[in-house]
C-alpha atoms as a PDB file:
ATOM      1  CA  MET A   1       0.000   0.000   0.000  1.00  0.00           C
ATOM      2  CA  ASN A   2       1.449   3.392  -0.966  1.00  0.00           C
ATOM      3  CA  ASN A   3       1.506   6.311   1.437  1.00  0.00           C
ATOM      4  CA  LEU A   4      -1.295   8.176  -0.340  1.00  0.00           C
ATOM      5  CA  LYS A   5      -3.715   5.305   0.192  1.00  0.00           C
ATOM      6  CA  ARG A   6      -2.332   4.548   3.642  1.00  0.00           C
ATOM      7  CA  PHE A   7      -2.764   8.119   4.842  1.00  0.00           C
ATOM      8  CA  HIS A   8      -6.281   8.364   3.453  1.00  0.00           C
ATOM      9  CA  GLU A   9      -7.320   5.124   5.165  1.00  0.00           C
ATOM     10  CA  LEU A  10      -5.905   6.254   8.519  1.00  0.00           C
ATOM     11  CA  HIS A  11      -8.707   8.844   8.636  1.00  0.00           C
ATOM     12  CA  PHE A  12     -11.367   6.124   8.528  1.00  0.00           C
ATOM     13  CA  SER A  13     -10.028   3.610  11.019  1.00  0.00           C
ATOM     14  CA  SER A  14     -11.671   2.709  14.320  1.00  0.00           C
ATOM     15  CA  GLU A  15      -9.244   4.966  16.224  1.00  0.00           C
ATOM     16  CA  PRO A  16      -8.543   8.675  15.641  1.00  0.00           C
ATOM     17  CA  LEU A  17      -5.386   9.404  13.684  1.00  0.00           C
ATOM     18  CA  PHE A  18      -2.962  10.918  16.196  1.00  0.00           C
ATOM     19  CA  LEU A  19      -0.724  13.001  13.967  1.00  0.00           C
ATOM     20  CA  GLY A  20       2.779  13.949  15.101  1.00  0.00           C
ATOM     21  CA  ASN A  21       3.832  17.470  14.115  1.00  0.00           C
ATOM     22  CA  ALA A  22       7.438  17.959  12.997  1.00  0.00           C
ATOM     23  CA  TRP A  23       9.472  20.989  11.979  1.00  0.00           C
ATOM     24  CA  ASP A  24      12.705  19.456  10.672  1.00  0.00           C
ATOM     25  CA  LEU A  25      14.118  16.067   9.770  1.00  0.00           C
ATOM     26  CA  LEU A  26      15.347  15.276  13.284  1.00  0.00           C
ATOM     27  CA  SER A  27      11.952  15.922  14.882  1.00  0.00           C
ATOM     28  CA  ALA A  28      10.212  13.930  12.141  1.00  0.00           C
ATOM     29  CA  LEU A  29      12.525  10.938  12.537  1.00  0.00           C
ATOM     30  CA  THR A  30      12.093  11.093  16.320  1.00  0.00           C
ATOM     31  CA  LEU A  31       8.305  11.020  16.012  1.00  0.00           C
ATOM     32  CA  GLU A  32       8.462   8.155  13.528  1.00  0.00           C
ATOM     33  CA  LYS A  33      10.753   6.201  15.869  1.00  0.00           C
ATOM     34  CA  ALA A  34       8.321   6.834  18.738  1.00  0.00           C
ATOM     35  CA  GLY A  35       5.607   5.023  16.793  1.00  0.00           C
ATOM     36  CA  PHE A  36       3.517   7.726  15.122  1.00  0.00           C
ATOM     37  CA  GLN A  37       1.732   6.403  12.034  1.00  0.00           C
ATOM     38  CA  ALA A  38       1.910   9.703  10.149  1.00  0.00           C
ATOM     39  CA  ILE A  39       3.593  13.096  10.399  1.00  0.00           C
ATOM     40  CA  GLY A  40       2.286  16.578   9.673  1.00  0.00           C
ATOM     41  CA  THR A  41       4.662  19.483   9.306  1.00  0.00           C
ATOM     42  CA  THR A  42       4.053  22.609  11.381  1.00  0.00           C
ATOM     43  CA  SER A  43       4.642  25.885   9.564  1.00  0.00           C
ATOM     44  CA  TRP A  44       4.958  27.633  12.933  1.00  0.00           C
ATOM     45  CA  GLY A  45       7.690  25.245  14.011  1.00  0.00           C
ATOM     46  CA  ILE A  46       9.507  25.491  10.679  1.00  0.00           C
ATOM     47  CA  ALA A  47       9.432  29.283  10.844  1.00  0.00           C
ATOM     48  CA  ASN A  48      10.748  29.267  14.419  1.00  0.00           C
ATOM     49  CA  SER A  49      13.593  26.950  13.440  1.00  0.00           C
ATOM     50  CA  LEU A  50      14.651  29.529  10.854  1.00  0.00           C
ATOM     51  CA  GLY A  51      14.353  32.505  13.209  1.00  0.00           C
ATOM     52  CA  LEU A  52      11.137  33.784  11.639  1.00  0.00           C
ATOM     53  CA  LYS A  53       7.504  34.168  12.641  1.00  0.00           C
ATOM     54  CA  ASP A  54       4.671  32.131  11.189  1.00  0.00           C
ATOM     55  CA  GLY A  55       2.616  33.596   8.352  1.00  0.00           C
ATOM     56  CA  GLU A  56       4.263  32.630   5.041  1.00  0.00           C
ATOM     57  CA  LEU A  57       7.402  34.613   5.895  1.00  0.00           C
ATOM     58  CA  VAL A  58       9.580  31.641   4.973  1.00  0.00           C
ATOM     59  CA  ASP A  59      10.315  31.648   1.248  1.00  0.00           C
ATOM     60  CA  PHE A  60       8.167  28.982  -0.403  1.00  0.00           C
ATOM     61  CA  GLU A  61      11.153  27.346  -2.095  1.00  0.00           C
ATOM     62  CA  ARG A  62      12.914  26.964   1.240  1.00  0.00           C
ATOM     63  CA  HIS A  63       9.734  25.733   2.920  1.00  0.00           C
ATOM     64  CA  LEU A  64       9.206  23.165   0.186  1.00  0.00           C
ATOM     65  CA  GLN A  65      12.802  21.980   0.484  1.00  0.00           C
ATOM     66  CA  ILE A  66      12.299  21.264   4.194  1.00  0.00           C
ATOM     67  CA  ILE A  67       9.057  19.403   3.479  1.00  0.00           C
ATOM     68  CA  GLU A  68      10.768  17.354   0.771  1.00  0.00           C
ATOM     69  CA  THR A  69      13.659  16.453   3.076  1.00  0.00           C
ATOM     70  CA  ILE A  70      11.237  15.161   5.684  1.00  0.00           C
ATOM     71  CA  ALA A  71       9.075  13.245   3.200  1.00  0.00           C
ATOM     72  CA  ARG A  72      12.008  11.550   1.469  1.00  0.00           C
ATOM     73  CA  HIS A  73      13.566  10.256   4.683  1.00  0.00           C
ATOM     74  CA  LEU A  74      10.443   8.843   6.351  1.00  0.00           C
ATOM     75  CA  SER A  75       8.658   5.615   5.542  1.00  0.00           C
ATOM     76  CA  ILE A  76       5.362   6.822   7.044  1.00  0.00           C
ATOM     77  CA  PRO A  77       2.995   9.305   5.353  1.00  0.00           C
ATOM     78  CA  VAL A  78       3.714  13.024   5.634  1.00  0.00           C
ATOM     79  CA  SER A  79       1.176  15.843   5.354  1.00  0.00           C
ATOM     80  CA  ALA A  80       2.455  19.327   4.570  1.00  0.00           C
ATOM     81  CA  ASP A  81       1.228  22.502   6.234  1.00  0.00           C
ATOM     82  CA  ILE A  82       1.292  25.062   3.421  1.00  0.00           C
ATOM     83  CA  GLU A  83      -0.626  27.748   5.355  1.00  0.00           C
ATOM     84  CA  ALA A  84      -2.895  29.579   2.880  1.00  0.00           C
ATOM     85  CA  GLY A  85      -1.064  28.276  -0.176  1.00  0.00           C
ATOM     86  CA  TYR A  86       1.645  30.914  -0.635  1.00  0.00           C
ATOM     87  CA  GLY A  87      -0.252  32.817  -3.316  1.00  0.00           C
ATOM     88  CA  GLU A  88      -2.855  35.487  -3.908  1.00  0.00           C
ATOM     89  CA  ASN A  89      -4.603  33.836  -6.838  1.00  0.00           C
ATOM     90  CA  ILE A  90      -5.985  30.382  -7.480  1.00  0.00           C
ATOM     91  CA  GLN A  91      -3.573  29.491 -10.292  1.00  0.00           C
ATOM     92  CA  THR A  92      -0.485  30.163  -8.172  1.00  0.00           C
ATOM     93  CA  ILE A  93      -1.815  28.234  -5.185  1.00  0.00           C
ATOM     94  CA  VAL A  94      -2.816  25.248  -7.325  1.00  0.00           C
ATOM     95  CA  GLN A  95       0.684  25.095  -8.794  1.00  0.00           C
ATOM     96  CA  ASN A  96       2.183  25.268  -5.301  1.00  0.00           C
ATOM     97  CA  VAL A  97      -0.024  22.372  -4.195  1.00  0.00           C
ATOM     98  CA  LEU A  98       1.029  20.271  -7.193  1.00  0.00           C
ATOM     99  CA  ARG A  99       4.688  21.000  -6.477  1.00  0.00           C
ATOM    100  CA  THR A 100       4.121  19.969  -2.862  1.00  0.00           C
ATOM    101  CA  ALA A 101       2.484  16.719  -3.946  1.00  0.00           C
ATOM    102  CA  ASP A 102       5.405  16.044  -6.261  1.00  0.00           C
ATOM    103  CA  VAL A 103       7.932  15.985  -3.392  1.00  0.00           C
ATOM    104  CA  GLY A 104       6.249  12.915  -1.942  1.00  0.00           C
ATOM    105  CA  VAL A 105       3.761  14.032   0.685  1.00  0.00           C
ATOM    106  CA  ALA A 106       0.380  12.346   1.092  1.00  0.00           C
ATOM    107  CA  GLY A 107      -1.659  15.429   1.955  1.00  0.00           C
ATOM    108  CA  ILE A 108      -1.757  19.112   2.815  1.00  0.00           C
ATOM    109  CA  ASN A 109      -3.300  21.496   5.296  1.00  0.00           C
ATOM    110  CA  ILE A 110      -4.559  24.625   3.594  1.00  0.00           C
ATOM    111  CA  GLU A 111      -6.304  27.388   5.517  1.00  0.00           C
ATOM    112  CA  ASP A 112      -8.855  30.080   4.725  1.00  0.00           C
ATOM    113  CA  SER A 113      -7.189  32.937   6.664  1.00  0.00           C
ATOM    114  CA  PHE A 114      -5.522  35.896   5.056  1.00  0.00           C
ATOM    115  CA  LYS A 115      -1.818  36.085   5.852  1.00  0.00           C
ATOM    116  CA  GLN A 116      -1.124  39.806   5.661  1.00  0.00           C
ATOM    117  CA  LYS A 117      -4.318  41.003   7.345  1.00  0.00           C
ATOM    118  CA  ALA A 118      -7.057  39.781   9.651  1.00  0.00           C
ATOM    119  CA  GLY A 119     -10.099  38.009   8.308  1.00  0.00           C
ATOM    120  CA  LEU A 120     -11.033  35.006   6.224  1.00  0.00           C
ATOM    121  CA  ARG A 121     -11.190  34.515   2.500  1.00  0.00           C
ATOM    122  CA  GLU A 122     -14.648  34.656   1.011  1.00  0.00           C
ATOM    123  CA  LEU A 123     -16.423  31.330   1.128  1.00  0.00           C
ATOM    124  CA  SER A 124     -16.914  31.353  -2.642  1.00  0.00           C
ATOM    125  CA  PHE A 125     -13.215  31.963  -3.304  1.00  0.00           C
ATOM    126  CA  GLN A 126     -12.027  29.238  -0.937  1.00  0.00           C
ATOM    127  CA  SER A 127     -14.559  26.769  -2.312  1.00  0.00           C
ATOM    128  CA  LYS A 128     -13.442  27.504  -5.873  1.00  0.00           C
ATOM    129  CA  LEU A 129      -9.814  27.145  -4.797  1.00  0.00           C
ATOM    130  CA  LEU A 130     -10.431  23.748  -3.220  1.00  0.00           C
ATOM    131  CA  TYR A 131     -12.332  22.604  -6.302  1.00  0.00           C
ATOM    132  CA  GLU A 132      -9.476  23.606  -8.596  1.00  0.00           C
ATOM    133  CA  ILE A 133      -6.919  21.949  -6.297  1.00  0.00           C
ATOM    134  CA  ARG A 134      -8.906  18.700  -6.278  1.00  0.00           C
ATOM    135  CA  ILE A 135      -9.283  18.644 -10.053  1.00  0.00           C
ATOM    136  CA  ALA A 136      -5.593  19.406 -10.607  1.00  0.00           C
ATOM    137  CA  LEU A 137      -4.485  16.707  -8.149  1.00  0.00           C
ATOM    138  CA  ASP A 138      -6.797  14.109  -9.680  1.00  0.00           C
ATOM    139  CA  ASN A 139      -5.573  14.935 -13.184  1.00  0.00           C
ATOM    140  CA  ALA A 140      -1.966  14.635 -12.023  1.00  0.00           C
ATOM    141  CA  GLY A 141      -2.514  11.151 -10.601  1.00  0.00           C
ATOM    142  CA  TYR A 142      -3.004  12.107  -6.961  1.00  0.00           C
ATOM    143  CA  LYS A 143      -6.612  10.988  -6.510  1.00  0.00           C
ATOM    144  CA  GLU A 144      -6.156   9.837  -2.906  1.00  0.00           C
ATOM    145  CA  PHE A 145      -4.160  12.907  -1.881  1.00  0.00           C
ATOM    146  CA  PHE A 146      -5.697  14.204   1.356  1.00  0.00           C
ATOM    147  CA  ILE A 147      -6.797  17.847   1.342  1.00  0.00           C
ATOM    148  CA  ASN A 148      -7.308  18.943   4.941  1.00  0.00           C
ATOM    149  CA  ALA A 149      -9.252  22.209   4.675  1.00  0.00           C
ATOM    150  CA  ARG A 150      -8.495  24.355   7.695  1.00  0.00           C
ATOM    151  CA  ILE A 151     -11.323  26.610   8.863  1.00  0.00           C
ATOM    152  CA  ASP A 152     -10.160  29.497  11.061  1.00  0.00           C
ATOM    153  CA  THR A 153     -13.555  30.693  12.256  1.00  0.00           C
ATOM    154  CA  PHE A 154     -12.913  29.691  15.885  1.00  0.00           C
ATOM    155  CA  LEU A 155      -9.709  31.737  15.825  1.00  0.00           C
ATOM    156  CA  GLN A 156     -11.297  34.861  14.360  1.00  0.00           C
ATOM    157  CA  LYS A 157     -15.054  34.942  14.974  1.00  0.00           C
ATOM    158  CA  ASP A 158     -17.079  35.636  18.119  1.00  0.00           C
ATOM    159  CA  ASN A 159     -19.884  33.175  17.308  1.00  0.00           C
ATOM    160  CA  PRO A 160     -18.203  30.781  14.894  1.00  0.00           C
ATOM    161  CA  LEU A 161     -20.179  27.540  14.988  1.00  0.00           C
ATOM    162  CA  SER A 162     -22.762  28.146  12.258  1.00  0.00           C
ATOM    163  CA  GLU A 163     -20.199  29.611   9.855  1.00  0.00           C
ATOM    164  CA  THR A 164     -17.837  26.737  10.592  1.00  0.00           C
ATOM    165  CA  ILE A 165     -20.494  24.233   9.586  1.00  0.00           C
ATOM    166  CA  GLU A 166     -21.412  26.244   6.499  1.00  0.00           C
ATOM    167  CA  ARG A 167     -17.793  26.461   5.394  1.00  0.00           C
ATOM    168  CA  GLY A 168     -17.141  22.832   6.263  1.00  0.00           C
ATOM    169  CA  LYS A 169     -20.004  21.583   4.107  1.00  0.00           C
ATOM    170  CA  ALA A 170     -18.992  23.829   1.213  1.00  0.00           C
ATOM    171  CA  TYR A 171     -15.336  22.819   1.396  1.00  0.00           C
ATOM    172  CA  VAL A 172     -16.164  19.113   1.402  1.00  0.00           C
ATOM    173  CA  GLU A 173     -18.549  19.560  -1.519  1.00  0.00           C
ATOM    174  CA  SER A 174     -15.725  21.348  -3.347  1.00  0.00           C
ATOM    175  CA  GLY A 175     -13.301  18.464  -2.930  1.00  0.00           C
ATOM    176  CA  ALA A 176     -11.751  18.688   0.531  1.00  0.00           C
ATOM    177  CA  SER A 177     -11.029  15.280   2.061  1.00  0.00           C
ATOM    178  CA  GLY A 178     -11.490  16.502   5.621  1.00  0.00           C
ATOM    179  CA  ILE A 179     -11.717  19.666   7.672  1.00  0.00           C
ATOM    180  CA  PHE A 180      -9.474  21.108  10.367  1.00  0.00           C
ATOM    181  CA  VAL A 181     -11.001  23.429  12.971  1.00  0.00           C
ATOM    182  CA  PRO A 182      -8.276  24.775  15.288  1.00  0.00           C
ATOM    183  CA  GLY A 183      -9.573  26.554  18.376  1.00  0.00           C
ATOM    184  CA  VAL A 184     -12.735  24.540  18.892  1.00  0.00           C
ATOM    185  CA  THR A 185     -12.789  23.151  22.443  1.00  0.00           C
ATOM    186  CA  LEU A 186     -16.383  22.645  23.626  1.00  0.00           C
ATOM    187  CA  ASP A 187     -17.786  19.123  23.445  1.00  0.00           C
ATOM    188  CA  ASN A 188     -21.130  20.243  22.048  1.00  0.00           C
ATOM    189  CA  ASP A 189     -19.485  22.283  19.288  1.00  0.00           C
ATOM    190  CA  ILE A 190     -17.242  19.387  18.287  1.00  0.00           C
ATOM    191  CA  ARG A 191     -20.126  16.940  18.350  1.00  0.00           C
ATOM    192  CA  GLU A 192     -22.297  19.199  16.182  1.00  0.00           C
ATOM    193  CA  ILE A 193     -19.551  19.742  13.620  1.00  0.00           C
ATOM    194  CA  THR A 194     -18.905  16.009  13.276  1.00  0.00           C
ATOM    195  CA  TYR A 195     -22.660  15.402  12.916  1.00  0.00           C
ATOM    196  CA  GLU A 196     -23.255  18.117  10.321  1.00  0.00           C
ATOM    197  CA  VAL A 197     -20.104  17.861   8.171  1.00  0.00           C
ATOM    198  CA  LYS A 198     -19.732  14.457   6.548  1.00  0.00           C
ATOM    199  CA  ALA A 199     -15.947  14.260   6.463  1.00  0.00           C
ATOM    200  CA  PRO A 200     -13.152  13.553   8.966  1.00  0.00           C
ATOM    201  CA  LEU A 201     -12.721  16.320  11.531  1.00  0.00           C
ATOM    202  CA  ASN A 202      -9.221  17.300  12.701  1.00  0.00           C
ATOM    203  CA  VAL A 203      -8.964  19.254  15.959  1.00  0.00           C
ATOM    204  CA  LEU A 204      -5.933  20.892  17.531  1.00  0.00           C
ATOM    205  CA  SER A 205      -4.573  20.053  20.964  1.00  0.00           C
ATOM    206  CA  LEU A 206      -5.120  22.848  23.480  1.00  0.00           C
ATOM    207  CA  PRO A 207      -5.141  23.035  27.286  1.00  0.00           C
ATOM    208  CA  GLY A 208      -8.169  20.996  28.321  1.00  0.00           C
ATOM    209  CA  LEU A 209      -8.404  19.313  24.905  1.00  0.00           C
ATOM    210  CA  THR A 210      -5.739  16.633  25.020  1.00  0.00           C
ATOM    211  CA  ASN A 211      -7.256  13.168  25.205  1.00  0.00           C
ATOM    212  CA  CYS A 212      -7.696  11.012  22.107  1.00  0.00           C
ATOM    213  CA  ASN A 213     -10.197   8.664  23.769  1.00  0.00           C
ATOM    214  CA  LYS A 214     -12.483  11.555  24.684  1.00  0.00           C
ATOM    215  CA  LEU A 215     -12.199  12.999  21.186  1.00  0.00           C
ATOM    216  CA  LYS A 216     -13.041   9.628  19.672  1.00  0.00           C
ATOM    217  CA  ALA A 217     -16.310   9.627  21.619  1.00  0.00           C
ATOM    218  CA  LEU A 218     -17.115  13.046  20.130  1.00  0.00           C
ATOM    219  CA  GLY A 219     -16.565  11.789  16.579  1.00  0.00           C
ATOM    220  CA  VAL A 220     -13.145  13.322  15.952  1.00  0.00           C
ATOM    221  CA  GLN A 221     -11.082  11.333  13.447  1.00  0.00           C
ATOM    222  CA  ARG A 222      -7.794  13.262  13.507  1.00  0.00           C
ATOM    223  CA  PHE A 223      -5.903  14.950  16.346  1.00  0.00           C
ATOM    224  CA  SER A 224      -2.730  17.018  16.081  1.00  0.00           C
ATOM    225  CA  PHE A 225      -0.641  19.161  18.411  1.00  0.00           C
ATOM    226  CA  GLY A 226       0.643  21.792  15.976  1.00  0.00           C
ATOM    227  CA  ASN A 227       3.556  23.782  17.350  1.00  0.00           C
ATOM    228  CA  ALA A 228       3.137  22.631  20.979  1.00  0.00           C
ATOM    229  CA  LEU A 229       6.031  20.144  20.878  1.00  0.00           C
ATOM    230  CA  SER A 230       8.376  22.503  19.045  1.00  0.00           C
ATOM    231  CA  ASP A 231       7.556  25.250  21.561  1.00  0.00           C
ATOM    232  CA  LYS A 232       8.322  22.856  24.422  1.00  0.00           C
ATOM    233  CA  VAL A 233      11.653  21.889  22.883  1.00  0.00           C
ATOM    234  CA  ILE A 234      12.592  25.551  22.411  1.00  0.00           C
ATOM    235  CA  ASP A 235      11.608  26.327  26.000  1.00  0.00           C
ATOM    236  CA  PHE A 236      13.729  23.441  27.272  1.00  0.00           C
ATOM    237  CA  MET A 237      16.742  24.583  25.255  1.00  0.00           C
ATOM    238  CA  GLU A 238      16.421  28.170  26.472  1.00  0.00           C
ATOM    239  CA  LYS A 239      16.228  27.098  30.127  1.00  0.00           C
ATOM    240  CA  ASP A 240      19.089  24.636  29.753  1.00  0.00           C
ATOM    241  CA  ALA A 241      21.298  27.138  27.942  1.00  0.00           C
ATOM    242  CA  LYS A 242      20.677  29.706  30.656  1.00  0.00           C
ATOM    243  CA  GLN A 243      21.589  27.175  33.334  1.00  0.00           C
ATOM    244  CA  LEU A 244      24.811  26.309  31.505  1.00  0.00           C
ATOM    245  CA  PHE A 245      25.827  29.959  31.319  1.00  0.00           C
ATOM    246  CA  LEU A 246      24.894  30.857  34.901  1.00  0.00           C
ATOM    247  CA  LEU A 247      26.508  27.813  36.540  1.00  0.00           C
ATOM    248  CA  LYS A 248      29.502  27.554  34.209  1.00  0.00           C
ATOM    249  CA  ASP A 249      29.059  23.825  34.766  1.00  0.00           C
ATOM    250  CA  THR A 250      27.987  21.107  32.330  1.00  0.00           C
ATOM    251  CA  ALA A 251      27.314  18.356  34.885  1.00  0.00           C
ATOM    252  CA  HIS A 252      23.536  18.451  34.433  1.00  0.00           C
ATOM    253  CA  LEU A 253      23.930  17.524  30.773  1.00  0.00           C
ATOM    254  CA  TYR A 254      24.888  14.008  31.869  1.00  0.00           C
ATOM    255  CA  THR A 255      22.170  13.328  34.433  1.00  0.00           C
END
């Protein structure tokens, strides 16, 4: 079974897909060694590793090179976080998606937020974009490529549930394989989204939203932790480096 088919099927198994989020080859290999069945890149973590902030500030060519390095060295499926697609028009974004598929990943996350200003893309634009991406992927031989359509309503709206469901239905009808709703935390909201939108739901780990078994009961089929692990690693390194400098002693490195 190739990784495209394998990754797609992981979203329809009896257990939620617990996706490990990596930001470089070392973190990806570590997660694979730990037993994760699939890896998703984190654009936030990649940007941090390069000394930049998230928000498509990393040059796309450099971002794609990192994604390719990860995908080519892992045996498990990799999904690429390409933020909003690194383009202002549909043609550019579609070409970027095809180039991402060509480096060996099994899926993408693509979001409906603007990158240079607040707000979300119009529903009609994002639906058209997803339709064109699906058609282009199918025509290029990537029919089982997983398009995870990220909906940022819970990050930007005061009363986001109804719009989330509306966007979710439209995105799935336009060709998305599943939807990703970061920021949703309430059980009733999660349950209603999974009931109304007939596609796998991906939610993001947050304080109070951490348990796969609980999420399974709510109908969630994919769970990821985004930049949380990379942030924890950075925090550990900063604290350890400070201790090294203050103590002028390396003994704790060996305990």
